[in-house]
Every structure is written in structure tokens, then in C-alpha cells.
Amino acid sequence: MLNAIDYVLDELRFAYSYHVYLRWQTHRNRPNKDLTRLDANTLGMLVGHHSIHILECEAGPREIRMMVSLRPSDTVAACEGKIKGQAAKWLRERSGERFSRGYFACTSGQSTADEIGAYLASQGEHHGYAAQIRPPLHVDTFEPQPGDETRLQSPHARTRLRFHVVFATWRRQGVFGAQAGAAIARAWRDLEQTSRFALLKVSFVPDHVHIALSVHPVVAPGPLVVDLMNAAQVVIWRDFSADAIRARIERLWQPSAYLGSYGDLATPQVQAYLRSYRSRESATG
């Protein structure tokens, strides 16, 4: 079996957009007027040393809602803990109030879940392979497994965290056929339990792959990308080495990836919702 050097996080270059909507309430949902003064600028200063970018923040007397921008190495669970810790200190100093333990989080992006699904399904047509008698592509959608909903949640939290990931082969050489794509997808599914994610859809064409997946809030998408890259490289070098040799590749992937969060609503829609929430709170306050 041929071998290639494993990928590590520090060598990867990411083009990314990682947006998360967060929401939590005061303890026992008690109203607190001081909380309404916690705006995006104030919260941004509180968490700036954590390299968390607050895109929007709207606080009412009983809850706080925000949109944040994270890095590929960040987990939603750690981000939520850092923001809540700073916000709780700010609130405690003013009123002695505290927040509830739980939180809600979901990802958003420039595209919605429906748009991502349609885009991945159309890769064969988009790249001109679908009309071939035996097109060199593999597209598959994975139905949720029993227990996935529980497996991808943390206690005291409700989350829905989804990402669209794209890898390109070394020097964009054509490596994948339908069999190789299916074999790699099986290897990735074998990682789901230990790496705490679930594949939603894959779309392989000869020189790149699109992946849609959902993760547990303690999983950072950047390190997960590394796991997926290395698992796929093992499959190619072990079972499809002739294809790798024919393509004259040194490693399977370019040391780069696109990483985009997405959700049922696009980021601009969520931001508009937060601003309308602020307007409603101001009108009733």
C-alpha cells in the first residue's frame, strides 16, 4: 500500500464563513431591565479577547439573542460558555441576576439548507458528467439514524449545527470515480460515532467533493475537516492506488478547504429577525 503524509490543522488554509445564532434566558425567566442595555458593542468589547465577533445582539428583559462569527477551530459549546460567562458577569455586577443554564444554537450562512441540498445534487450536471453512460461521480443522501438527534446534542442545550465543506484533489487532478466516492463515504460514516458528527449528503466529482454534515456543539469543524481528509486518503492509497498513481498525485488533497455554515434560514434573514425583535422590544418597553 502506498502512503502519504497525514494532514494537520496548522497546514490547512480555510476559506470560511461560520455564523451561529445563540439564544438563552434569565434564570427562571425572570424579567430584568438591566439586560436590555446589553447591546452588540458592549458584548463585543466583553468577548473581544476571545476572538469572537458579535454580528448582532438584541436583548430583552428575559432573554438575549445574538449572531456571532467564529473560526474553524472554534466549537459552539466553548463559544457559548465564553460569551455567557462575560455577559453573566456584566449582568451580575448591575443587578445580581444570572442566566439559565441552557441555550439554543443553530448555524446560518449565505445559503439555506434547501439551497445547499439542491446545489450538491446538481454537481453532475454542473460539471458536465451526468450525460455520460457511466458518469465518474457519486452522490448520496443519508437519512438520519435512530439516536442521531440525541447523539448530537449536549445536556441543557438544543442545537442544529450544519456545515457545507469542499475539498479539492492535489493539483485538481481527476482521482475519483463512483466506486472510490462510495468507499470514502463509507469510511466517513464509520467515523460518525467517535468524531460526533453525521453525514447529510456527499457529492463527488473526479477532482473535488462537496459534503454536508451536522455536528455536536463540542466539535470544531476545522479539526473534523482534518479527520475527513486523512480518512479519505487512507482509502485511496489502500484500495484505489492505481487511480492515485495514474493521476500523479503526491497527496490526495490540496491543503485547503472551503467551510461554510448553513441553516434553515440564511444569515441575512436571521439578522433581519434580530433587528425586528429589537424594534418590538423598544415599542413595548
Protein backbone atom coordinates (compact mmCIF):
# COMPACT_ATOMS: atom_id res chain seq x y z
CA MET A 1 0.00 0.00 0.00
CA LEU A 2 1.27 3.48 -0.86
CA ASN A 3 1.42 6.10 1.86
CA ALA A 4 1.14 9.87 2.02
CA ILE A 5 1.73 12.39 4.77
CA ASP A 6 -1.26 12.95 7.06
CA TYR A 7 -2.86 16.38 7.11
CA VAL A 8 -2.68 18.56 10.22
CA LEU A 9 -4.81 21.56 11.11
CA ASP A 10 -1.97 24.10 11.11
CA GLU A 11 -1.15 23.50 7.44
CA LEU A 12 -4.68 23.99 6.12
CA ARG A 13 -5.87 27.23 4.59
CA PHE A 14 -9.57 27.83 5.05
CA ALA A 15 -11.97 29.99 3.10
CA TYR A 16 -14.78 30.08 5.62
CA SER A 17 -18.00 31.65 6.82
CA TYR A 18 -19.03 30.30 10.23
CA HIS A 19 -22.10 32.03 11.69
CA VAL A 20 -24.07 30.88 14.73
CA TYR A 21 -27.32 32.17 16.21
CA LEU A 22 -27.37 31.87 20.02
CA ARG A 23 -30.17 32.41 22.50
CA TRP A 24 -30.58 32.00 26.25
CA GLN A 25 -32.83 33.25 29.06
CA THR A 26 -32.54 34.73 32.51
CA HIS A 27 -32.74 32.34 35.45
CA ARG A 28 -36.31 31.10 35.81
CA ASN A 29 -37.23 33.51 33.00
CA ARG A 30 -37.34 36.44 35.42
CA PRO A 31 -37.53 39.91 33.78
CA ASN A 32 -34.54 42.20 34.22
CA LYS A 33 -34.45 45.72 32.79
CA ASP A 34 -30.65 45.94 33.03
CA LEU A 35 -30.32 43.17 30.46
CA THR A 36 -31.95 45.34 27.79
CA ARG A 37 -28.87 47.60 27.85
CA LEU A 38 -26.52 44.80 26.71
CA ASP A 39 -26.00 45.60 23.03
CA ALA A 40 -23.63 44.30 20.34
CA ASN A 41 -20.93 46.90 21.02
CA THR A 42 -20.88 46.21 24.75
CA LEU A 43 -20.86 42.45 24.31
CA GLY A 44 -18.21 42.72 21.59
CA MET A 45 -15.88 44.51 23.99
CA LEU A 46 -16.52 41.90 26.68
CA VAL A 47 -15.55 38.95 24.44
CA GLY A 48 -13.10 40.61 22.04
CA HIS A 49 -10.10 38.93 23.67
CA HIS A 50 -11.65 35.56 22.73
CA SER A 51 -11.61 36.49 19.01
CA ILE A 52 -15.40 36.11 18.87
CA HIS A 53 -17.05 38.60 16.51
CA ILE A 54 -20.54 39.70 17.57
CA LEU A 55 -22.51 40.42 14.38
CA GLU A 56 -25.83 41.19 16.07
CA CYS A 57 -27.06 41.25 19.66
CA GLU A 58 -30.58 42.00 20.80
CA ALA A 59 -31.50 41.71 24.49
CA GLY A 60 -34.93 41.89 26.08
CA PRO A 61 -35.79 41.76 29.78
CA ARG A 62 -35.97 37.94 29.81
CA GLU A 63 -33.56 36.74 27.11
CA ILE A 64 -30.63 37.57 24.89
CA ARG A 65 -30.28 36.66 21.22
CA MET A 66 -27.23 37.13 19.01
CA MET A 67 -25.45 36.23 15.80
CA VAL A 68 -21.73 35.52 16.12
CA SER A 69 -18.91 34.78 13.68
CA LEU A 70 -16.42 32.07 14.67
CA ARG A 71 -13.22 30.48 13.35
CA PRO A 72 -12.88 26.89 12.06
CA SER A 73 -11.03 25.90 15.25
CA ASP A 74 -13.89 27.12 17.49
CA THR A 75 -16.64 24.97 18.98
CA VAL A 76 -20.13 26.31 19.58
CA ALA A 77 -20.12 24.95 23.14
CA ALA A 78 -16.92 26.79 24.08
CA CYS A 79 -18.08 29.98 22.35
CA GLU A 80 -21.40 29.94 24.18
CA GLY A 81 -19.63 29.40 27.50
CA LYS A 82 -17.23 32.31 26.94
CA ILE A 83 -19.95 34.73 25.87
CA LYS A 84 -22.37 33.73 28.61
CA GLY A 85 -19.63 33.92 31.23
CA GLN A 86 -18.77 37.51 30.29
CA ALA A 87 -22.41 38.55 29.89
CA ALA A 88 -23.31 36.96 33.24
CA LYS A 89 -20.53 38.87 35.00
CA TRP A 90 -21.74 42.10 33.40
CA LEU A 91 -25.33 41.44 34.47
CA ARG A 92 -24.41 40.26 37.97
CA GLU A 93 -22.47 43.46 38.66
CA ARG A 94 -25.55 45.53 37.81
CA SER A 95 -28.44 43.57 39.28
CA GLY A 96 -27.26 40.32 40.85
CA GLU A 97 -29.28 38.41 38.23
CA ARG A 98 -27.97 35.33 36.42
CA PHE A 99 -28.79 33.35 33.29
CA SER A 100 -30.40 29.95 32.95
CA ARG A 101 -28.11 27.02 32.34
CA GLY A 102 -29.37 26.01 28.91
CA TYR A 103 -29.10 27.58 25.48
CA PHE A 104 -30.25 27.24 21.89
CA ALA A 105 -27.85 27.43 18.94
CA CYS A 106 -28.16 26.98 15.20
CA THR A 107 -25.91 27.75 12.27
CA SER A 108 -26.75 30.00 9.36
CA GLY A 109 -24.96 31.14 6.22
CA GLN A 110 -25.33 32.80 2.86
CA SER A 111 -27.37 29.80 1.61
CA THR A 112 -30.21 27.86 3.21
CA ALA A 113 -30.39 24.12 3.79
CA ASP A 114 -32.67 23.67 0.78
CA GLU A 115 -30.28 25.59 -1.46
CA ILE A 116 -27.26 23.58 -0.28
CA GLY A 117 -29.09 20.30 -0.88
CA ALA A 118 -30.09 21.31 -4.40
CA TYR A 119 -26.58 22.56 -5.19
CA LEU A 120 -24.91 19.31 -4.12
CA ALA A 121 -27.44 17.25 -6.06
CA SER A 122 -26.69 19.20 -9.25
CA GLN A 123 -22.90 18.76 -9.30
CA GLY A 124 -23.00 16.13 -12.05
CA GLU A 125 -24.95 18.39 -14.38
CA HIS A 126 -22.96 21.46 -13.37
CA HIS A 127 -19.64 19.84 -14.35
CA GLY A 128 -20.96 18.05 -17.43
CA TYR A 129 -20.69 14.46 -16.17
CA ALA A 130 -24.35 13.47 -15.86
CA ALA A 131 -24.83 12.78 -19.58
CA GLN A 132 -22.07 10.16 -19.68
CA ILE A 133 -23.07 6.49 -19.79
CA ARG A 134 -21.02 5.77 -16.66
CA PRO A 135 -20.52 9.18 -15.04
CA PRO A 136 -17.46 9.37 -12.71
CA LEU A 137 -19.41 10.78 -9.81
CA HIS A 138 -21.01 9.65 -6.59
CA VAL A 139 -23.89 11.49 -4.93
CA ASP A 140 -25.60 10.17 -1.82
CA THR A 141 -28.03 11.47 0.78
CA PHE A 142 -28.04 9.89 4.23
CA GLU A 143 -31.20 9.54 6.24
CA PRO A 144 -30.98 10.33 9.97
CA GLN A 145 -30.23 7.27 12.08
CA PRO A 146 -32.10 6.38 15.28
CA GLY A 147 -30.48 8.28 18.10
CA ASP A 148 -28.76 10.91 15.90
CA GLU A 149 -30.87 13.70 17.38
CA THR A 150 -29.78 12.75 20.90
CA ARG A 151 -26.21 11.89 19.94
CA LEU A 152 -25.56 15.34 18.50
CA GLN A 153 -26.94 17.27 21.50
CA SER A 154 -25.41 18.43 24.78
CA PRO A 155 -27.31 18.30 28.07
CA HIS A 156 -29.26 21.52 28.71
CA ALA A 157 -28.87 22.66 25.10
CA ARG A 158 -30.77 22.43 21.83
CA THR A 159 -28.58 22.80 18.77
CA ARG A 160 -28.71 22.36 15.00
CA LEU A 161 -25.23 22.90 13.58
CA ARG A 162 -24.64 22.20 9.89
CA PHE A 163 -21.75 22.84 7.51
CA HIS A 164 -21.02 22.68 3.80
CA VAL A 165 -17.41 21.58 3.19
CA VAL A 166 -15.48 21.38 -0.08
CA PHE A 167 -12.11 19.65 -0.67
CA ALA A 168 -10.18 19.65 -3.97
CA THR A 169 -7.70 16.97 -5.04
CA TRP A 170 -3.97 17.58 -5.35
CA ARG A 171 -3.41 19.98 -8.29
CA ARG A 172 -7.09 19.38 -9.18
CA GLN A 173 -6.25 16.03 -10.77
CA GLY A 174 -9.12 13.65 -11.53
CA VAL A 175 -8.89 10.85 -8.96
CA PHE A 176 -12.40 9.82 -8.01
CA GLY A 177 -14.77 7.50 -9.77
CA ALA A 178 -18.13 6.37 -8.46
CA GLN A 179 -16.63 3.39 -6.57
CA ALA A 180 -13.96 5.47 -4.86
CA GLY A 181 -16.50 8.09 -3.83
CA ALA A 182 -18.79 5.44 -2.33
CA ALA A 183 -15.87 3.82 -0.46
CA ILE A 184 -14.78 7.13 1.04
CA ALA A 185 -18.33 7.94 2.11
CA ARG A 186 -18.49 4.58 3.92
CA ALA A 187 -15.21 5.33 5.70
CA TRP A 188 -16.54 8.71 6.78
CA ARG A 189 -19.70 7.13 8.13
CA ASP A 190 -17.54 4.81 10.22
CA LEU A 191 -16.14 7.92 11.92
CA GLU A 192 -19.51 9.40 12.85
CA GLN A 193 -19.74 7.98 16.37
CA THR A 194 -16.20 8.73 17.52
CA SER A 195 -15.95 12.15 15.84
CA ARG A 196 -19.50 13.15 16.85
CA PHE A 197 -20.96 14.20 13.53
CA ALA A 198 -23.46 12.93 10.96
CA LEU A 199 -23.10 12.97 7.19
CA LEU A 200 -26.12 14.51 5.46
CA LYS A 201 -25.03 14.45 1.82
CA VAL A 202 -21.90 13.88 -0.29
CA SER A 203 -21.26 14.78 -3.92
CA PHE A 204 -18.05 13.51 -5.55
CA VAL A 205 -16.78 14.54 -8.97
CA PRO A 206 -13.30 13.47 -10.17
CA ASP A 207 -11.33 16.40 -8.73
CA HIS A 208 -13.32 17.56 -5.70
CA VAL A 209 -16.05 16.69 -3.22
CA HIS A 210 -18.88 18.61 -1.54
CA ILE A 211 -20.02 17.46 1.90
CA ALA A 212 -22.99 18.49 4.03
CA LEU A 213 -22.83 17.41 7.67
CA SER A 214 -24.14 18.09 11.15
CA VAL A 215 -22.00 18.23 14.30
CA HIS A 216 -22.20 18.08 18.08
CA PRO A 217 -21.63 21.50 19.75
CA VAL A 218 -18.30 20.34 21.24
CA VAL A 219 -16.93 19.60 17.75
CA ALA A 220 -14.87 22.24 15.96
CA PRO A 221 -15.34 21.97 12.20
CA GLY A 222 -11.66 22.62 11.39
CA PRO A 223 -10.24 19.54 13.14
CA LEU A 224 -13.13 17.49 11.74
CA VAL A 225 -12.06 18.52 8.23
CA VAL A 226 -8.60 17.09 9.01
CA ASP A 227 -10.13 13.78 10.14
CA LEU A 228 -12.17 13.51 6.94
CA MET A 229 -9.22 14.34 4.71
CA ASN A 230 -6.99 11.74 6.34
CA ALA A 231 -9.64 9.02 6.33
CA ALA A 232 -10.27 9.55 2.61
CA GLN A 233 -6.56 9.50 1.84
CA VAL A 234 -6.20 6.11 3.56
CA VAL A 235 -8.99 4.68 1.41
CA ILE A 236 -7.47 5.93 -1.85
CA TRP A 237 -3.95 4.75 -1.08
CA ARG A 238 -5.18 1.39 0.21
CA ASP A 239 -7.92 0.49 -2.27
CA PHE A 240 -7.53 2.77 -5.29
CA SER A 241 -3.77 3.29 -5.51
CA ALA A 242 -3.80 2.73 -9.29
CA ASP A 243 -6.04 5.79 -9.65
CA ALA A 244 -3.68 7.85 -7.47
CA ILE A 245 -0.64 6.74 -9.46
CA ARG A 246 -2.38 7.47 -12.75
CA ALA A 247 -3.23 10.98 -11.53
CA ARG A 248 0.40 11.52 -10.38
CA ILE A 249 -0.61 12.96 -7.04
CA GLU A 250 1.70 13.24 -4.03
CA ARG A 251 -1.16 13.59 -1.55
CA LEU A 252 -4.88 13.23 -2.07
CA TRP A 253 -5.99 16.77 -1.23
CA GLN A 254 -4.85 20.33 -1.65
CA PRO A 255 -4.01 21.62 1.89
CA SER A 256 -7.05 23.89 1.86
CA ALA A 257 -10.81 23.71 2.25
CA TYR A 258 -13.98 25.74 1.99
CA LEU A 259 -16.07 25.68 5.17
CA GLY A 260 -19.49 27.33 5.26
CA SER A 261 -22.12 27.09 7.97
CA TYR A 262 -25.76 26.96 6.90
CA GLY A 263 -29.22 26.54 8.33
CA ASP A 264 -32.91 26.70 7.55
CA LEU A 265 -32.59 30.49 7.29
CA ALA A 266 -29.78 32.44 5.65
CA THR A 267 -27.70 34.82 7.78
CA PRO A 268 -29.35 37.99 6.37
CA GLN A 269 -32.76 36.58 7.29
CA VAL A 270 -31.64 35.88 10.87
CA GLN A 271 -30.11 39.34 11.17
CA ALA A 272 -33.36 40.90 9.95
CA TYR A 273 -35.24 38.85 12.54
CA LEU A 274 -32.95 40.10 15.32
CA ARG A 275 -33.43 43.70 14.27
CA SER A 276 -37.21 43.31 14.19
CA TYR A 277 -37.01 41.74 17.66
CA ARG A 278 -35.19 44.87 18.86
CA SER A 279 -37.86 47.07 17.34
CA ARG A 280 -40.65 45.12 19.03
CA GLU A 281 -38.90 45.27 22.40
CA SER A 282 -38.37 49.03 22.04
CA ALA A 283 -42.02 49.55 21.17
CA THR A 284 -43.27 47.56 24.17
CA GLY A 285 -40.62 48.85 26.57
